[in-house]
Amino acid sequence: MIELAEEIVRIVKAYSVGDPDSIVVVIPKEIHERLGKHPKGQKFLVKIDSKGRIIYEPIRKEVAK
């Protein structure tokens, strides 16, 4: 089993929006700066691991060759 290194960047707060079952979680500026800004409308895979952690992974568009 491979263990990945983790680093706490910031504590963020979830906000309710519109539909009572929807919330928004902000991606901190530090993450944008380190990983490159995600364009408006960026899509993410949302996963949950065996520890109950939520993982957001950007879906990268493949460049046509």
PDB file of N, CA and C in Angstrom:
ATOM      1  N   MET A   1       0.832  -1.179   0.000  1.00  0.00           N
ATOM      2  CA  MET A   1       0.000   0.000   0.000  1.00  0.00           C
ATOM      3  C   MET A   1       0.879   1.246   0.000  1.00  0.00           C
ATOM      4  N   ILE A   2       0.586   2.190  -0.884  1.00  0.00           N
ATOM      5  CA  ILE A   2       1.382   3.404  -1.002  1.00  0.00           C
ATOM      6  C   ILE A   2       0.757   4.501  -0.141  1.00  0.00           C
ATOM      7  N   GLU A   3       1.561   5.120   0.717  1.00  0.00           N
ATOM      8  CA  GLU A   3       1.113   6.242   1.534  1.00  0.00           C
ATOM      9  C   GLU A   3       1.542   7.529   0.831  1.00  0.00           C
ATOM     10  N   LEU A   4       0.613   8.462   0.675  1.00  0.00           N
ATOM     11  CA  LEU A   4       0.939   9.739   0.061  1.00  0.00           C
ATOM     12  C   LEU A   4       1.184  10.777   1.145  1.00  0.00           C
ATOM     13  N   ALA A   5       2.124  11.669   0.899  1.00  0.00           N
ATOM     14  CA  ALA A   5       2.403  12.740   1.851  1.00  0.00           C
ATOM     15  C   ALA A   5       1.238  13.722   1.863  1.00  0.00           C
ATOM     16  N   GLU A   6       0.959  14.262   3.023  1.00  0.00           N
ATOM     17  CA  GLU A   6      -0.108  15.240   3.164  1.00  0.00           C
ATOM     18  C   GLU A   6       0.450  16.506   3.783  1.00  0.00           C
ATOM     19  N   GLU A   7      -0.186  17.615   3.494  1.00  0.00           N
ATOM     20  CA  GLU A   7       0.207  18.890   4.067  1.00  0.00           C
ATOM     21  C   GLU A   7      -1.055  19.706   4.293  1.00  0.00           C
ATOM     22  N   ILE A   8      -1.223  20.245   5.486  1.00  0.00           N
ATOM     23  CA  ILE A   8      -2.349  21.133   5.743  1.00  0.00           C
ATOM     24  C   ILE A   8      -1.994  22.504   5.199  1.00  0.00           C
ATOM     25  N   VAL A   9      -2.834  23.026   4.320  1.00  0.00           N
ATOM     26  CA  VAL A   9      -2.595  24.335   3.708  1.00  0.00           C
ATOM     27  C   VAL A   9      -3.412  25.408   4.421  1.00  0.00           C
ATOM     28  N   ARG A  10      -4.662  25.120   4.698  1.00  0.00           N
ATOM     29  CA  ARG A  10      -5.544  26.082   5.351  1.00  0.00           C
ATOM     30  C   ARG A  10      -6.813  25.371   5.774  1.00  0.00           C
ATOM     31  N   ILE A  11      -7.486  25.897   6.776  1.00  0.00           N
ATOM     32  CA  ILE A  11      -8.805  25.412   7.163  1.00  0.00           C
ATOM     33  C   ILE A  11      -9.822  26.287   6.439  1.00  0.00           C
ATOM     34  N   VAL A  12     -10.789  25.661   5.771  1.00  0.00           N
ATOM     35  CA  VAL A  12     -11.820  26.394   5.046  1.00  0.00           C
ATOM     36  C   VAL A  12     -13.192  26.045   5.601  1.00  0.00           C
ATOM     37  N   LYS A  13     -14.171  26.861   5.265  1.00  0.00           N
ATOM     38  CA  LYS A  13     -15.532  26.688   5.755  1.00  0.00           C
ATOM     39  C   LYS A  13     -16.449  26.430   4.572  1.00  0.00           C
ATOM     40  N   ALA A  14     -17.402  25.529   4.745  1.00  0.00           N
ATOM     41  CA  ALA A  14     -18.392  25.256   3.698  1.00  0.00           C
ATOM     42  C   ALA A  14     -19.558  26.228   3.877  1.00  0.00           C
ATOM     43  N   TYR A  15     -20.133  26.679   2.757  1.00  0.00           N
ATOM     44  CA  TYR A  15     -21.252  27.622   2.768  1.00  0.00           C
ATOM     45  C   TYR A  15     -22.451  27.012   2.051  1.00  0.00           C
ATOM     46  N   SER A  16     -23.635  27.231   2.602  1.00  0.00           N
ATOM     47  CA  SER A  16     -24.872  26.805   1.935  1.00  0.00           C
ATOM     48  C   SER A  16     -25.180  27.780   0.804  1.00  0.00           C
ATOM     49  N   VAL A  17     -25.648  27.235  -0.313  1.00  0.00           N
ATOM     50  CA  VAL A  17     -26.035  28.082  -1.448  1.00  0.00           C
ATOM     51  C   VAL A  17     -27.315  27.547  -2.058  1.00  0.00           C
ATOM     52  N   GLY A  18     -28.194  28.444  -2.458  1.00  0.00           N
ATOM     53  CA  GLY A  18     -29.409  28.056  -3.174  1.00  0.00           C
ATOM     54  C   GLY A  18     -30.145  26.889  -2.572  1.00  0.00           C
ATOM     55  N   ASP A  19     -30.071  25.774  -3.226  1.00  0.00           N
ATOM     56  CA  ASP A  19     -30.712  24.532  -2.802  1.00  0.00           C
ATOM     57  C   ASP A  19     -30.207  24.172  -1.400  1.00  0.00           C
ATOM     58  N   PRO A  20     -31.098  23.881  -0.460  1.00  0.00           N
ATOM     59  CA  PRO A  20     -30.649  23.582   0.908  1.00  0.00           C
ATOM     60  C   PRO A  20     -29.717  22.378   1.016  1.00  0.00           C
ATOM     61  N   ASP A  21     -29.669  21.533   0.006  1.00  0.00           N
ATOM     62  CA  ASP A  21     -28.783  20.370   0.049  1.00  0.00           C
ATOM     63  C   ASP A  21     -27.440  20.625  -0.629  1.00  0.00           C
ATOM     64  N   SER A  22     -27.191  21.861  -1.079  1.00  0.00           N
ATOM     65  CA  SER A  22     -25.944  22.174  -1.776  1.00  0.00           C
ATOM     66  C   SER A  22     -25.048  23.036  -0.895  1.00  0.00           C
ATOM     67  N   ILE A  23     -23.749  22.743  -0.939  1.00  0.00           N
ATOM     68  CA  ILE A  23     -22.780  23.581  -0.236  1.00  0.00           C
ATOM     69  C   ILE A  23     -21.616  23.885  -1.169  1.00  0.00           C
ATOM     70  N   VAL A  24     -20.891  24.947  -0.852  1.00  0.00           N
ATOM     71  CA  VAL A  24     -19.717  25.355  -1.616  1.00  0.00           C
ATOM     72  C   VAL A  24     -18.521  25.317  -0.671  1.00  0.00           C
ATOM     73  N   VAL A  25     -17.416  24.750  -1.141  1.00  0.00           N
ATOM     74  CA  VAL A  25     -16.164  24.755  -0.397  1.00  0.00           C
ATOM     75  C   VAL A  25     -15.149  25.494  -1.255  1.00  0.00           C
ATOM     76  N   VAL A  26     -14.492  26.489  -0.685  1.00  0.00           N
ATOM     77  CA  VAL A  26     -13.545  27.326  -1.428  1.00  0.00           C
ATOM     78  C   VAL A  26     -12.187  26.625  -1.532  1.00  0.00           C
ATOM     79  N   ILE A  27     -11.593  26.668  -2.717  1.00  0.00           N
ATOM     80  CA  ILE A  27     -10.227  26.179  -2.905  1.00  0.00           C
ATOM     81  C   ILE A  27      -9.304  27.356  -2.600  1.00  0.00           C
ATOM     82  N   PRO A  28      -8.462  27.247  -1.567  1.00  0.00           N
ATOM     83  CA  PRO A  28      -7.616  28.375  -1.163  1.00  0.00           C
ATOM     84  C   PRO A  28      -6.669  28.849  -2.271  1.00  0.00           C
ATOM     85  N   LYS A  29      -6.364  30.143  -2.227  1.00  0.00           N
ATOM     86  CA  LYS A  29      -5.469  30.767  -3.206  1.00  0.00           C
ATOM     87  C   LYS A  29      -4.113  30.053  -3.263  1.00  0.00           C
ATOM     88  N   GLU A  30      -3.612  29.613  -2.101  1.00  0.00           N
ATOM     89  CA  GLU A  30      -2.318  28.911  -2.065  1.00  0.00           C
ATOM     90  C   GLU A  30      -2.328  27.670  -2.940  1.00  0.00           C
ATOM     91  N   ILE A  31      -3.459  26.975  -2.982  1.00  0.00           N
ATOM     92  CA  ILE A  31      -3.561  25.781  -3.824  1.00  0.00           C
ATOM     93  C   ILE A  31      -3.545  26.171  -5.293  1.00  0.00           C
ATOM     94  N   HIS A  32      -4.302  27.210  -5.650  1.00  0.00           N
ATOM     95  CA  HIS A  32      -4.296  27.703  -7.038  1.00  0.00           C
ATOM     96  C   HIS A  32      -2.882  28.053  -7.478  1.00  0.00           C
ATOM     97  N   GLU A  33      -2.157  28.753  -6.621  1.00  0.00           N
ATOM     98  CA  GLU A  33      -0.802  29.188  -6.981  1.00  0.00           C
ATOM     99  C   GLU A  33       0.156  28.015  -7.149  1.00  0.00           C
ATOM    100  N   ARG A  34       0.030  27.004  -6.305  1.00  0.00           N
ATOM    101  CA  ARG A  34       0.926  25.844  -6.394  1.00  0.00           C
ATOM    102  C   ARG A  34       0.611  24.935  -7.569  1.00  0.00           C
ATOM    103  N   LEU A  35      -0.669  24.706  -7.818  1.00  0.00           N
ATOM    104  CA  LEU A  35      -1.065  23.727  -8.834  1.00  0.00           C
ATOM    105  C   LEU A  35      -1.470  24.351 -10.160  1.00  0.00           C
ATOM    106  N   GLY A  36      -1.454  25.654 -10.235  1.00  0.00           N
ATOM    107  CA  GLY A  36      -1.906  26.326 -11.445  1.00  0.00           C
ATOM    108  C   GLY A  36      -3.381  26.625 -11.323  1.00  0.00           C
ATOM    109  N   LYS A  37      -3.778  27.805 -11.709  1.00  0.00           N
ATOM    110  CA  LYS A  37      -5.185  28.200 -11.580  1.00  0.00           C
ATOM    111  C   LYS A  37      -6.065  27.317 -12.438  1.00  0.00           C
ATOM    112  N   HIS A  38      -7.218  26.965 -11.885  1.00  0.00           N
ATOM    113  CA  HIS A  38      -8.194  26.182 -12.624  1.00  0.00           C
ATOM    114  C   HIS A  38      -9.134  27.157 -13.312  1.00  0.00           C
ATOM    115  N   PRO A  39      -9.378  26.965 -14.594  1.00  0.00           N
ATOM    116  CA  PRO A  39     -10.255  27.888 -15.312  1.00  0.00           C
ATOM    117  C   PRO A  39     -11.681  27.843 -14.773  1.00  0.00           C
ATOM    118  N   LYS A  40     -12.396  28.959 -14.947  1.00  0.00           N
ATOM    119  CA  LYS A  40     -13.794  29.020 -14.538  1.00  0.00           C
ATOM    120  C   LYS A  40     -14.544  27.895 -15.244  1.00  0.00           C
ATOM    121  N   GLY A  41     -15.381  27.182 -14.515  1.00  0.00           N
ATOM    122  CA  GLY A  41     -16.110  26.061 -15.101  1.00  0.00           C
ATOM    123  C   GLY A  41     -15.340  24.749 -15.068  1.00  0.00           C
ATOM    124  N   GLN A  42     -14.158  24.746 -14.420  1.00  0.00           N
ATOM    125  CA  GLN A  42     -13.351  23.528 -14.307  1.00  0.00           C
ATOM    126  C   GLN A  42     -14.197  22.416 -13.692  1.00  0.00           C
ATOM    127  N   LYS A  43     -14.091  21.213 -14.226  1.00  0.00           N
ATOM    128  CA  LYS A  43     -14.799  20.060 -13.671  1.00  0.00           C
ATOM    129  C   LYS A  43     -13.834  19.252 -12.815  1.00  0.00           C
ATOM    130  N   PHE A  44     -14.377  18.661 -11.741  1.00  0.00           N
ATOM    131  CA  PHE A  44     -13.594  17.856 -10.820  1.00  0.00           C
ATOM    132  C   PHE A  44     -14.265  16.506 -10.602  1.00  0.00           C
ATOM    133  N   LEU A  45     -13.458  15.460 -10.454  1.00  0.00           N
ATOM    134  CA  LEU A  45     -13.958  14.183  -9.947  1.00  0.00           C
ATOM    135  C   LEU A  45     -14.058  14.353  -8.442  1.00  0.00           C
ATOM    136  N   VAL A  46     -15.120  13.872  -7.830  1.00  0.00           N
ATOM    137  CA  VAL A  46     -15.263  13.930  -6.379  1.00  0.00           C
ATOM    138  C   VAL A  46     -15.261  12.496  -5.875  1.00  0.00           C
ATOM    139  N   LYS A  47     -14.296  12.204  -5.004  1.00  0.00           N
ATOM    140  CA  LYS A  47     -14.128  10.848  -4.500  1.00  0.00           C
ATOM    141  C   LYS A  47     -14.124  10.873  -2.978  1.00  0.00           C
ATOM    142  N   ILE A  48     -14.355   9.719  -2.390  1.00  0.00           N
ATOM    143  CA  ILE A  48     -14.258   9.570  -0.944  1.00  0.00           C
ATOM    144  C   ILE A  48     -13.371   8.357  -0.678  1.00  0.00           C
ATOM    145  N   ASP A  49     -12.457   8.489   0.296  1.00  0.00           N
ATOM    146  CA  ASP A  49     -11.566   7.363   0.577  1.00  0.00           C
ATOM    147  C   ASP A  49     -12.054   6.562   1.776  1.00  0.00           C
ATOM    148  N   SER A  50     -11.309   5.530   2.129  1.00  0.00           N
ATOM    149  CA  SER A  50     -11.718   4.628   3.208  1.00  0.00           C
ATOM    150  C   SER A  50     -11.712   5.296   4.585  1.00  0.00           C
ATOM    151  N   LYS A  51     -11.085   6.469   4.688  1.00  0.00           N
ATOM    152  CA  LYS A  51     -11.069   7.220   5.951  1.00  0.00           C
ATOM    153  C   LYS A  51     -12.198   8.254   5.999  1.00  0.00           C
ATOM    154  N   GLY A  52     -13.039   8.304   4.953  1.00  0.00           N
ATOM    155  CA  GLY A  52     -14.139   9.258   4.907  1.00  0.00           C
ATOM    156  C   GLY A  52     -13.728  10.639   4.432  1.00  0.00           C
ATOM    157  N   ARG A  53     -12.543  10.756   3.833  1.00  0.00           N
ATOM    158  CA  ARG A  53     -12.072  12.051   3.333  1.00  0.00           C
ATOM    159  C   ARG A  53     -12.610  12.290   1.927  1.00  0.00           C
ATOM    160  N   ILE A  54     -12.923  13.545   1.649  1.00  0.00           N
ATOM    161  CA  ILE A  54     -13.418  13.942   0.325  1.00  0.00           C
ATOM    162  C   ILE A  54     -12.216  14.381  -0.499  1.00  0.00           C
ATOM    163  N   ILE A  55     -12.117  13.863  -1.714  1.00  0.00           N
ATOM    164  CA  ILE A  55     -10.996  14.173  -2.604  1.00  0.00           C
ATOM    165  C   ILE A  55     -11.550  14.792  -3.879  1.00  0.00           C
ATOM    166  N   TYR A  56     -11.072  15.980  -4.218  1.00  0.00           N
ATOM    167  CA  TYR A  56     -11.441  16.642  -5.473  1.00  0.00           C
ATOM    168  C   TYR A  56     -10.241  16.550  -6.411  1.00  0.00           C
ATOM    169  N   GLU A  57     -10.451  15.979  -7.589  1.00  0.00           N
ATOM    170  CA  GLU A  57      -9.371  15.819  -8.568  1.00  0.00           C
ATOM    171  C   GLU A  57      -9.796  16.495  -9.863  1.00  0.00           C
ATOM    172  N   PRO A  58      -9.013  17.513 -10.315  1.00  0.00           N
ATOM    173  CA  PRO A  58      -9.409  18.195 -11.553  1.00  0.00           C
ATOM    174  C   PRO A  58      -9.388  17.231 -12.741  1.00  0.00           C
ATOM    175  N   ILE A  59     -10.377  17.366 -13.598  1.00  0.00           N
ATOM    176  CA  ILE A  59     -10.435  16.585 -14.834  1.00  0.00           C
ATOM    177  C   ILE A  59      -9.714  17.409 -15.890  1.00  0.00           C
ATOM    178  N   ARG A  60      -8.621  16.901 -16.367  1.00  0.00           N
ATOM    179  CA  ARG A  60      -7.819  17.616 -17.372  1.00  0.00           C
ATOM    180  C   ARG A  60      -8.280  17.201 -18.761  1.00  0.00           C
ATOM    181  N   LYS A  61      -8.503  18.177 -19.608  1.00  0.00           N
ATOM    182  CA  LYS A  61      -8.861  17.874 -20.980  1.00  0.00           C
ATOM    183  C   LYS A  61      -7.617  17.442 -21.728  1.00  0.00           C
ATOM    184  N   GLU A  62      -7.752  16.389 -22.511  1.00  0.00           N
ATOM    185  CA  GLU A  62      -6.618  15.937 -23.318  1.00  0.00           C
ATOM    186  C   GLU A  62      -6.484  16.827 -24.539  1.00  0.00           C
ATOM    187  N   VAL A  63      -5.263  17.147 -24.879  1.00  0.00           N
ATOM    188  CA  VAL A  63      -4.988  17.986 -26.033  1.00  0.00           C
ATOM    189  C   VAL A  63      -5.006  17.118 -27.280  1.00  0.00           C
ATOM    190  N   ALA A  64      -5.786  17.502 -28.289  1.00  0.00           N
ATOM    191  CA  ALA A  64      -5.842  16.752 -29.551  1.00  0.00           C
ATOM    192  C   ALA A  64      -4.499  16.870 -30.260  1.00  0.00           C
ATOM    193  N   LYS A  65      -4.034  15.744 -30.820  1.00  0.00           N
ATOM    194  CA  LYS A  65      -2.726  15.749 -31.517  1.00  0.00           C
ATOM    195  C   LYS A  65      -2.920  15.818 -33.002  1.00  0.00           C
TER     196      LYS A  65
END
